[in-house]
């Protein structure tokens, strides 16, 4: 059984909002170059670039209450830069992750540090944005600074120089086909849908409900205003009374685990489908409680490297280099996003060549129509992804907990991605260039 998401890299996945930190935040909040870099404006020149180096900055929630869910993004960036630099850099220039700003999970502070990166640190790009509130998005977009990060909000659609790791545009409806298919593959007789009482969580799960209804999947119970940190027992008992056998959640990890525990304690024979929770430490901590749980993804699963040797060389490379340069973050999905961000940035540099400007990099990236981050994600059409989800097909994948470990779910042979045309829950062949094809 595969669990596709709302987009196929030609779109933006509808549930990236579902990162644990983003949901928690919404609930809680309602190296140097050896010569002076040049300074440019509005993306028209090459600040941070010398004959031997390219200096970029990052913005992450490093010390705030949600830092564990965002700070690791820089580990992925640094690992990829280390690999590239060991091979000689880009066109003879070493990549330097210089000013690493801490926005403390604050939108106001985020804007302040974004301004510092441009006006004081004179970075060429911002590579590795990991924050629940991207307050500096509009500023960076106005300045034309190539910016790459972990997309958890609509802020990323502020301009064509902002590149979310899996797209910059949110459209929840593109996940409906995959959600319905996933429930069908689990032989759901009655689905329960749970979301937090915050806009992004509730909107995504409401879209899922709409999709279930459209494709004939019975929705036996829904609560789209569940309180963060609340006791799920009442919901679980009502789902039991309504015969729910598959529970679909738009929650953070702690909420998902709370429901898993309540389901087990009350003897409800229901499987869970999570839009967030691909975390080995969580799995190790809760063990058999999560057996059978399906977790949605939008990239090649880490496990595919072992399950299908040689079929996903980009994942093989990621695991090898992360183990070498950032061994404590190998299986951290936020660090993985940072790696994808760094790949994207470097591909833009390489597309331009020696005579770099910010505007040239942005233009080169936005001309890419089948971008796969080197083979880690299904093709992305960056001529569309700032302003729409595209026409599809929309692809995604999933892992399932089997005997206490994540296991990649496959569509055909070693192909882990399922794809759907808009408005149909019948899988279609993955687009040319999709990893594993």
Protein backbone atom coordinates (compact mmCIF):
# COMPACT_ATOMS: atom_id res chain seq x y z
CA UNK A 1 0.00 0.00 0.00
CA UNK A 2 1.41 3.37 -0.94
CA UNK A 3 0.42 6.69 0.51
CA UNK A 4 0.68 9.50 -2.00
CA UNK A 5 0.63 13.16 -1.20
CA UNK A 6 -1.03 16.06 -2.78
CA UNK A 7 1.55 16.98 -5.32
CA UNK A 8 4.16 15.35 -7.55
CA UNK A 9 6.95 17.80 -7.50
CA UNK A 10 4.92 19.49 -10.18
CA UNK A 11 2.90 20.78 -7.27
CA UNK A 12 3.25 21.57 -3.65
CA UNK A 13 2.23 18.95 -1.17
CA UNK A 14 -0.85 19.91 0.71
CA UNK A 15 0.23 18.59 4.04
CA UNK A 16 3.70 19.90 4.57
CA UNK A 17 1.91 22.12 7.03
CA UNK A 18 1.72 18.97 9.09
CA UNK A 19 5.23 19.20 10.42
CA UNK A 20 5.10 18.77 14.15
CA UNK A 21 6.73 22.09 14.83
CA UNK A 22 4.50 24.06 12.53
CA UNK A 23 1.37 22.70 14.12
CA UNK A 24 2.69 23.10 17.63
CA UNK A 25 3.76 26.64 16.87
CA UNK A 26 0.38 27.55 15.43
CA UNK A 27 -1.33 26.07 18.44
CA UNK A 28 0.96 27.80 20.92
CA UNK A 29 1.04 31.11 19.14
CA UNK A 30 -2.74 31.24 17.71
CA UNK A 31 33.14 30.72 7.89
CA UNK A 32 34.35 33.72 6.11
CA UNK A 33 35.86 34.40 2.72
CA UNK A 34 39.39 35.76 2.53
CA UNK A 35 38.38 38.90 0.64
CA UNK A 36 35.57 41.40 1.07
CA UNK A 37 32.46 40.27 -0.85
CA UNK A 38 30.65 42.60 -3.17
CA UNK A 39 27.29 44.07 -2.26
CA UNK A 40 24.31 44.02 -4.61
CA UNK A 41 20.60 44.83 -4.44
CA UNK A 42 17.39 43.21 -5.66
CA UNK A 43 19.31 40.16 -6.81
CA UNK A 44 21.14 42.09 -9.55
CA UNK A 45 24.75 41.35 -8.59
CA UNK A 46 26.79 38.94 -6.54
CA UNK A 47 27.12 39.78 -2.84
CA UNK A 48 29.01 37.12 -0.95
CA UNK A 49 30.95 35.96 -4.01
CA UNK A 50 34.72 36.11 -4.35
CA UNK A 51 37.10 34.34 -6.70
CA UNK A 52 37.46 31.51 -4.18
CA UNK A 53 34.19 31.33 -2.25
CA UNK A 54 30.44 31.79 -2.17
CA UNK A 55 29.07 32.76 1.23
CA UNK A 56 25.48 32.12 2.19
CA UNK A 57 23.50 32.38 5.41
CA UNK A 58 20.76 30.42 7.12
CA UNK A 59 17.77 31.15 9.35
CA UNK A 60 16.48 28.59 11.80
CA UNK A 61 14.70 28.28 15.11
CA UNK A 62 17.82 27.24 17.01
CA UNK A 63 17.02 28.23 20.60
CA UNK A 64 13.25 28.59 20.68
CA UNK A 65 10.83 26.11 22.24
CA UNK A 66 10.39 24.36 18.88
CA UNK A 67 14.06 24.24 17.96
CA UNK A 68 14.29 20.44 17.83
CA UNK A 69 11.90 20.45 14.89
CA UNK A 70 13.72 23.12 12.86
CA UNK A 71 17.37 23.56 13.87
CA UNK A 72 18.59 20.35 12.14
CA UNK A 73 18.02 21.91 8.70
CA UNK A 74 21.51 23.41 8.76
CA UNK A 75 23.06 19.96 9.31
CA UNK A 76 21.83 18.82 5.91
CA UNK A 77 23.04 22.01 4.25
CA UNK A 78 26.46 21.75 5.84
CA UNK A 79 26.86 18.09 4.91
CA UNK A 80 26.11 18.74 1.24
CA UNK A 81 28.42 21.75 1.17
CA UNK A 82 31.18 19.64 2.76
CA UNK A 83 30.77 16.98 0.09
CA UNK A 84 30.86 19.57 -2.72
CA UNK A 85 33.86 21.38 -1.23
CA UNK A 86 35.78 18.12 -0.87
CA UNK A 87 35.36 17.71 -4.62
CA UNK A 88 36.68 21.20 -5.36
CA UNK A 89 33.60 23.36 -4.83
CA UNK A 90 31.52 24.93 -7.59
CA UNK A 91 33.54 26.28 -10.49
CA UNK A 92 36.55 26.52 -8.17
CA UNK A 93 34.68 28.32 -5.41
CA UNK A 94 34.15 26.81 -1.98
CA UNK A 95 30.72 27.03 -0.40
CA UNK A 96 30.63 28.75 2.98
CA UNK A 97 27.64 28.58 5.31
CA UNK A 98 28.57 31.77 7.11
CA UNK A 99 26.08 33.68 9.22
CA UNK A 100 23.71 31.17 10.83
CA UNK A 101 20.88 33.18 12.33
CA UNK A 102 18.60 32.11 15.17
CA UNK A 103 15.09 33.55 14.87
CA UNK A 104 13.95 31.81 18.09
CA UNK A 105 10.73 30.79 16.34
CA UNK A 106 9.59 34.43 16.19
CA UNK A 107 8.21 36.02 13.01
CA UNK A 108 9.46 39.45 14.10
CA UNK A 109 12.95 38.17 14.85
CA UNK A 110 12.92 36.27 11.59
CA UNK A 111 12.46 39.51 9.66
CA UNK A 112 15.22 41.17 11.65
CA UNK A 113 17.78 38.44 11.00
CA UNK A 114 16.78 38.25 7.32
CA UNK A 115 17.58 41.96 7.04
CA UNK A 116 20.90 41.39 8.81
CA UNK A 117 21.87 38.66 6.37
CA UNK A 118 21.29 40.97 3.41
CA UNK A 119 22.32 44.38 4.75
CA UNK A 120 25.14 43.47 7.16
CA UNK A 121 26.42 40.02 6.23
CA UNK A 122 25.96 40.50 2.46
CA UNK A 123 25.24 36.84 1.76
CA UNK A 124 24.66 35.63 -1.76
CA UNK A 125 21.76 33.38 -0.76
CA UNK A 126 19.91 32.03 2.25
CA UNK A 127 20.21 28.26 2.25
CA UNK A 128 18.49 26.46 5.09
CA UNK A 129 15.41 28.27 6.37
CA UNK A 130 13.80 26.25 9.14
CA UNK A 131 11.22 28.17 11.13
CA UNK A 132 7.50 27.97 11.96
CA UNK A 133 6.99 31.65 11.09
CA UNK A 134 8.92 32.92 8.08
CA UNK A 135 8.54 36.62 8.78
CA UNK A 136 11.43 37.55 6.49
CA UNK A 137 9.91 35.93 3.41
CA UNK A 138 8.56 39.08 1.76
CA UNK A 139 11.73 41.02 2.48
CA UNK A 140 13.97 38.36 0.95
CA UNK A 141 11.64 38.03 -2.02
CA UNK A 142 11.69 41.80 -2.58
CA UNK A 143 15.48 41.78 -2.45
CA UNK A 144 15.62 38.93 -4.96
CA UNK A 145 17.79 36.81 -2.69
CA UNK A 146 17.80 33.11 -3.67
CA UNK A 147 16.25 31.47 -0.61
CA UNK A 148 15.82 27.77 0.13
CA UNK A 149 14.16 26.08 3.09
CA UNK A 150 11.63 23.93 4.86
CA UNK A 151 8.21 25.09 3.66
CA UNK A 152 5.51 24.99 6.33
CA UNK A 153 3.40 28.01 5.41
CA UNK A 154 2.08 30.09 2.53
CA UNK A 155 4.85 32.67 3.12
CA UNK A 156 6.95 30.83 0.54
CA UNK A 157 4.74 32.00 -2.32
CA UNK A 158 5.84 35.62 -1.72
CA UNK A 159 8.09 35.68 -4.76
CA UNK A 160 10.00 33.74 -7.42
CA UNK A 161 13.29 33.75 -5.50
CA UNK A 162 11.85 31.60 -2.65
CA UNK A 163 12.27 27.86 -3.12
CA UNK A 164 10.60 25.50 -0.65
CA UNK A 165 12.24 22.09 -0.49
CA UNK A 166 9.21 20.47 -2.16
CA UNK A 167 7.59 23.45 -3.83
CA UNK A 168 6.46 26.90 -2.76
CA UNK A 169 2.70 26.75 -3.26
CA UNK A 170 0.12 25.11 -1.01
CA UNK A 171 -2.99 23.49 -2.46
CA UNK A 172 -4.67 20.99 -0.18
CA UNK A 173 -6.98 19.47 -2.77
CA UNK A 174 -4.20 17.78 -4.72
CA UNK A 175 -3.82 15.21 -1.95
CA UNK A 176 -7.43 14.03 -2.04
CA UNK A 177 -6.89 11.30 -4.62
CA UNK A 178 -3.99 9.77 -2.77
CA UNK A 179 -5.69 9.98 0.60
CA UNK A 180 -8.74 8.14 -0.73
CA UNK A 181 -6.60 5.50 -2.41
CA UNK A 182 -4.62 4.94 0.79
CA UNK A 183 -7.82 4.37 2.77
CA UNK A 184 -9.07 1.97 0.11
CA UNK A 185 -5.81 0.00 0.22
CA UNK A 186 -6.22 -0.31 3.98
CA UNK A 187 -9.75 -1.68 3.32
CA UNK A 188 -11.28 1.10 5.38
CA UNK A 189 -14.93 0.61 6.20
CA UNK A 190 -15.10 3.82 8.21
CA UNK A 191 -12.50 6.58 8.46
CA UNK A 192 -11.99 8.91 11.40
CA UNK A 193 -10.37 12.28 10.67
CA UNK A 194 -8.66 14.36 13.36
CA UNK A 195 -7.14 17.84 13.08
CA UNK A 196 -6.10 20.64 15.38
CA UNK A 197 -8.22 23.78 15.71
CA UNK A 198 -5.69 25.82 13.71
CA UNK A 199 -6.22 26.88 10.09
CA UNK A 200 -3.60 24.82 8.27
CA UNK A 201 -4.28 21.61 10.15
CA UNK A 202 -8.05 21.91 9.90
CA UNK A 203 -7.96 22.98 6.23
CA UNK A 204 -5.84 20.02 5.18
CA UNK A 205 -8.02 17.50 7.00
CA UNK A 206 -11.20 19.15 5.71
CA UNK A 207 -9.83 18.70 2.22
CA UNK A 208 -9.15 15.05 3.01
CA UNK A 209 -12.76 14.63 4.18
CA UNK A 210 -13.96 16.18 0.93
CA UNK A 211 -11.81 13.73 -0.99
CA UNK A 212 -13.02 10.73 0.99
CA UNK A 213 -16.62 11.71 0.29
CA UNK A 214 -15.92 12.30 -3.41
CA UNK A 215 -14.26 8.91 -3.88
CA UNK A 216 -16.70 6.85 -1.86
CA UNK A 217 -14.69 6.35 1.33
CA UNK A 218 -17.09 6.46 4.33
CA UNK A 219 -16.18 9.07 6.95
CA UNK A 220 -17.60 7.78 10.20
CA UNK A 221 -16.28 10.48 12.50
CA UNK A 222 -14.43 13.79 12.28
CA UNK A 223 -13.06 16.28 14.76
CA UNK A 224 -11.32 19.18 13.05
CA UNK A 225 -11.01 21.27 16.20
CA UNK A 226 -9.06 18.98 18.51
CA UNK A 227 -7.22 20.94 21.17
CA UNK A 228 -3.45 20.78 21.28
CA UNK A 229 -2.44 18.65 24.24
CA UNK A 230 -6.04 17.55 24.92
CA UNK A 231 -7.04 14.05 25.99
CA UNK A 232 -8.04 12.06 22.87
CA UNK A 233 -10.06 9.46 24.80
CA UNK A 234 -13.44 10.98 24.00
CA UNK A 235 -12.67 11.09 20.29
CA UNK A 236 -11.39 7.53 20.32
CA UNK A 237 -14.50 6.23 22.09
CA UNK A 238 -16.74 8.00 19.60
CA UNK A 239 -14.73 6.54 16.72
CA UNK A 240 -15.18 3.11 18.26
CA UNK A 241 -18.93 3.69 18.43
CA UNK A 242 -18.94 4.69 14.74
CA UNK A 243 -16.99 1.63 13.63
CA UNK A 244 -13.88 3.57 12.58
CA UNK A 245 -11.10 1.26 11.46
CA UNK A 246 -8.70 3.81 9.90
CA UNK A 247 -7.75 7.04 11.68
CA UNK A 248 -6.40 9.82 9.45
CA UNK A 249 -4.63 12.62 11.34
CA UNK A 250 -3.35 16.12 10.64
CA UNK A 251 -1.49 16.34 13.95
CA UNK A 252 2.04 16.66 15.25
CA UNK A 253 4.00 13.67 16.56
CA UNK A 254 2.90 14.10 20.17
CA UNK A 255 -0.76 14.25 19.13
CA UNK A 256 -0.37 11.21 16.90
CA UNK A 257 1.25 9.20 19.67
CA UNK A 258 -1.45 10.25 22.15
CA UNK A 259 -4.12 8.93 19.77
CA UNK A 260 -2.17 5.72 19.17
CA UNK A 261 -1.99 5.14 22.92
CA UNK A 262 -5.69 5.87 23.44
CA UNK A 263 -6.64 3.57 20.56
CA UNK A 264 -4.62 0.74 22.13
CA UNK A 265 -5.88 1.38 25.65
CA UNK A 266 -9.50 1.34 24.54
CA UNK A 267 -9.20 -1.73 22.35
CA UNK A 268 -10.17 0.03 19.12
CA UNK A 269 -9.12 -2.10 16.11
CA UNK A 270 -8.02 0.86 13.99
CA UNK A 271 -4.95 1.57 11.88
CA UNK A 272 -3.51 5.07 11.73
CA UNK A 273 -2.38 7.17 8.77
CA UNK A 274 -0.14 10.09 9.75
CA UNK A 275 0.82 13.08 7.65
CA UNK A 276 3.77 13.61 9.98
CA UNK A 277 5.93 11.38 12.15
CA UNK A 278 8.68 9.84 10.04
CA UNK A 279 11.07 9.69 12.94
CA UNK A 280 13.11 6.69 14.03
CA UNK A 281 13.59 7.92 17.59
CA UNK A 282 9.80 8.17 18.00
CA UNK A 283 9.44 4.66 16.62
CA UNK A 284 12.10 3.30 18.95
CA UNK A 285 10.49 4.98 21.93
CA UNK A 286 6.95 3.76 21.34
CA UNK A 287 7.64 0.44 19.62
CA UNK A 288 4.66 -1.86 19.23
CA UNK A 289 2.22 0.98 19.93
CA UNK A 290 2.83 2.19 16.37
CA UNK A 291 2.77 -1.19 14.63
CA UNK A 292 0.93 -0.96 11.32
CA UNK A 293 0.97 2.85 11.26
CA UNK A 294 1.39 4.41 7.81
CA UNK A 295 3.35 7.67 7.48
CA UNK A 296 3.09 9.80 4.34
CA UNK A 297 6.21 11.08 2.59
CA UNK A 298 7.08 13.08 -0.48
CA UNK A 299 10.61 11.87 -1.08
CA UNK A 300 12.43 8.58 -1.54
CA UNK A 301 12.27 6.86 1.87
CA UNK A 302 15.55 6.29 3.68
CA UNK A 303 14.72 2.59 3.84
CA UNK A 304 14.60 2.28 0.04
CA UNK A 305 18.39 2.28 -0.08
CA UNK A 306 18.49 -1.02 1.81
CA UNK A 307 15.29 -2.57 0.51
CA UNK A 308 16.12 -1.88 -3.15
CA UNK A 309 19.93 -1.80 -3.51
CA UNK A 310 21.09 0.40 -6.36
CA UNK A 311 17.60 1.55 -7.37
CA UNK A 312 17.88 4.93 -5.64
CA UNK A 313 21.53 6.06 -5.94
CA UNK A 314 20.77 9.60 -4.75
CA UNK A 315 19.53 8.22 -1.45
CA UNK A 316 22.59 5.96 -1.25
CA UNK A 317 24.75 9.07 -1.62
CA UNK A 318 22.76 11.04 0.94
CA UNK A 319 23.09 8.33 3.59
CA UNK A 320 26.81 7.85 2.91
CA UNK A 321 27.69 11.54 3.04
CA UNK A 322 25.48 12.32 6.02
CA UNK A 323 27.08 9.44 7.91
CA UNK A 324 30.46 10.97 7.08
CA UNK A 325 29.74 14.62 7.82
CA UNK A 326 26.68 14.77 10.10
CA UNK A 327 26.27 11.29 11.61
CA UNK A 328 23.83 12.32 14.33
CA UNK A 329 21.34 13.65 11.75
CA UNK A 330 21.36 10.91 9.11
CA UNK A 331 17.71 9.94 9.55
CA UNK A 332 16.41 13.37 10.51
CA UNK A 333 13.82 14.44 7.93
CA UNK A 334 14.43 18.15 8.59
CA UNK A 335 18.15 17.67 7.96
CA UNK A 336 17.14 15.87 4.78
CA UNK A 337 15.19 18.96 3.73
CA UNK A 338 18.37 20.99 4.28
CA UNK A 339 20.26 18.62 2.01
CA UNK A 340 17.60 19.03 -0.69
CA UNK A 341 17.83 22.82 -0.28
CA UNK A 342 21.59 22.70 -0.74
CA UNK A 343 21.30 20.47 -3.81
CA UNK A 344 18.82 22.92 -5.30
CA UNK A 345 21.08 25.90 -4.64
CA UNK A 346 24.16 24.22 -6.10
CA UNK A 347 22.25 23.11 -9.17
CA UNK A 348 21.33 26.76 -9.71
CA UNK A 349 24.96 27.83 -9.40
CA UNK A 350 26.07 25.18 -11.86
CA UNK A 351 23.37 26.16 -14.33
CA UNK A 352 24.67 29.74 -14.38
CA UNK A 353 28.41 29.14 -14.43
CA UNK A 354 31.22 31.45 -13.41
CA UNK A 355 29.59 34.85 -13.90
CA UNK A 356 27.16 34.64 -11.03
CA UNK A 357 24.41 37.00 -10.05
CA UNK A 358 21.47 36.34 -7.79
CA UNK A 359 19.04 37.10 -10.59
CA UNK A 360 20.73 34.62 -12.93
CA UNK A 361 20.49 31.83 -10.34
CA UNK A 362 16.81 32.54 -9.70
CA UNK A 363 16.08 32.62 -13.43
CA UNK A 364 17.95 29.36 -14.05
CA UNK A 365 16.10 27.54 -11.29
CA UNK A 366 12.72 28.82 -12.43
CA UNK A 367 13.34 27.47 -15.91
CA UNK A 368 13.65 23.88 -14.63
CA UNK A 369 10.64 21.75 -15.54
CA UNK A 370 11.66 18.30 -14.30
CA UNK A 371 13.77 18.95 -11.24
CA UNK A 372 14.33 15.92 -8.96
CA UNK A 373 17.04 17.14 -6.53
CA UNK A 374 19.39 14.67 -8.15
CA UNK A 375 16.94 11.78 -7.82
CA UNK A 376 15.38 12.26 -4.39
CA UNK A 377 11.92 13.57 -5.31
CA UNK A 378 9.52 13.18 -8.25
CA UNK A 379 9.92 15.81 -10.99
CA UNK A 380 9.17 19.39 -9.99
CA UNK A 381 8.13 21.99 -12.55
CA UNK A 382 9.53 25.26 -11.24
CA UNK A 383 7.86 27.27 -13.98
CA UNK A 384 4.67 26.65 -11.98
CA UNK A 385 5.49 25.94 -8.35
CA UNK A 386 5.48 29.51 -7.07
CA UNK A 387 1.89 30.23 -8.09
CA UNK A 388 0.07 26.91 -8.54
CA UNK A 389 0.20 23.21 -7.83
CA UNK A 390 0.36 22.44 -11.53
CA UNK A 391 -1.69 20.06 -13.60
CA UNK A 392 -0.35 16.83 -12.14
CA UNK A 393 0.04 13.97 -11.91
CA UNK A 394 0.55 14.30 -8.16
CA UNK A 395 2.92 11.77 -6.61
CA UNK A 396 3.97 10.67 -3.17
CA UNK A 397 4.91 7.64 -1.16
CA UNK A 398 4.78 6.23 2.36
CA UNK A 399 6.38 3.99 4.90
CA UNK A 400 4.63 1.56 7.22
CA UNK A 401 5.70 0.30 10.62
CA UNK A 402 6.34 -3.44 10.29
CA UNK A 403 7.85 -5.41 13.15
CA UNK A 404 9.01 -2.25 14.86
CA UNK A 405 10.75 -0.70 11.83
CA UNK A 406 9.79 1.56 8.96
CA UNK A 407 9.36 -0.23 5.67
CA UNK A 408 8.99 1.46 2.30
CA UNK A 409 5.73 0.71 0.51
CA UNK A 410 5.99 0.01 -3.18
CA UNK A 411 3.73 0.57 -6.16
CA UNK A 412 5.38 -1.74 -8.64
CA UNK A 413 8.60 -3.70 -8.21
CA UNK A 414 10.94 -1.22 -6.54
CA UNK A 415 8.95 1.90 -7.46
CA UNK A 416 7.98 3.66 -4.24
CA UNK A 417 5.93 6.50 -5.75
CA UNK A 418 2.21 6.45 -6.46
CA UNK A 419 0.85 9.11 -8.80
CA UNK A 420 -2.66 10.36 -9.57
CA UNK A 421 -4.28 12.64 -12.09
CA UNK A 422 -6.38 15.36 -10.60
CA UNK A 423 -9.88 14.08 -9.81
CA UNK A 424 -9.07 10.36 -10.07
CA UNK A 425 -8.11 7.86 -7.38
CA UNK A 426 -6.77 5.38 -9.96
CA UNK A 427 -2.95 5.35 -10.01
CA UNK A 428 -1.20 6.44 -13.19
CA UNK A 429 2.42 5.74 -14.24
CA UNK A 430 4.95 8.05 -12.61
CA UNK A 431 6.23 10.82 -14.89
CA UNK A 432 9.48 10.24 -16.78
CA UNK A 433 12.41 11.01 -14.55
CA UNK A 434 10.72 9.97 -11.33
CA UNK A 435 13.29 8.28 -9.07
CA UNK A 436 13.07 4.51 -9.44
CA UNK A 437 11.78 4.56 -13.03
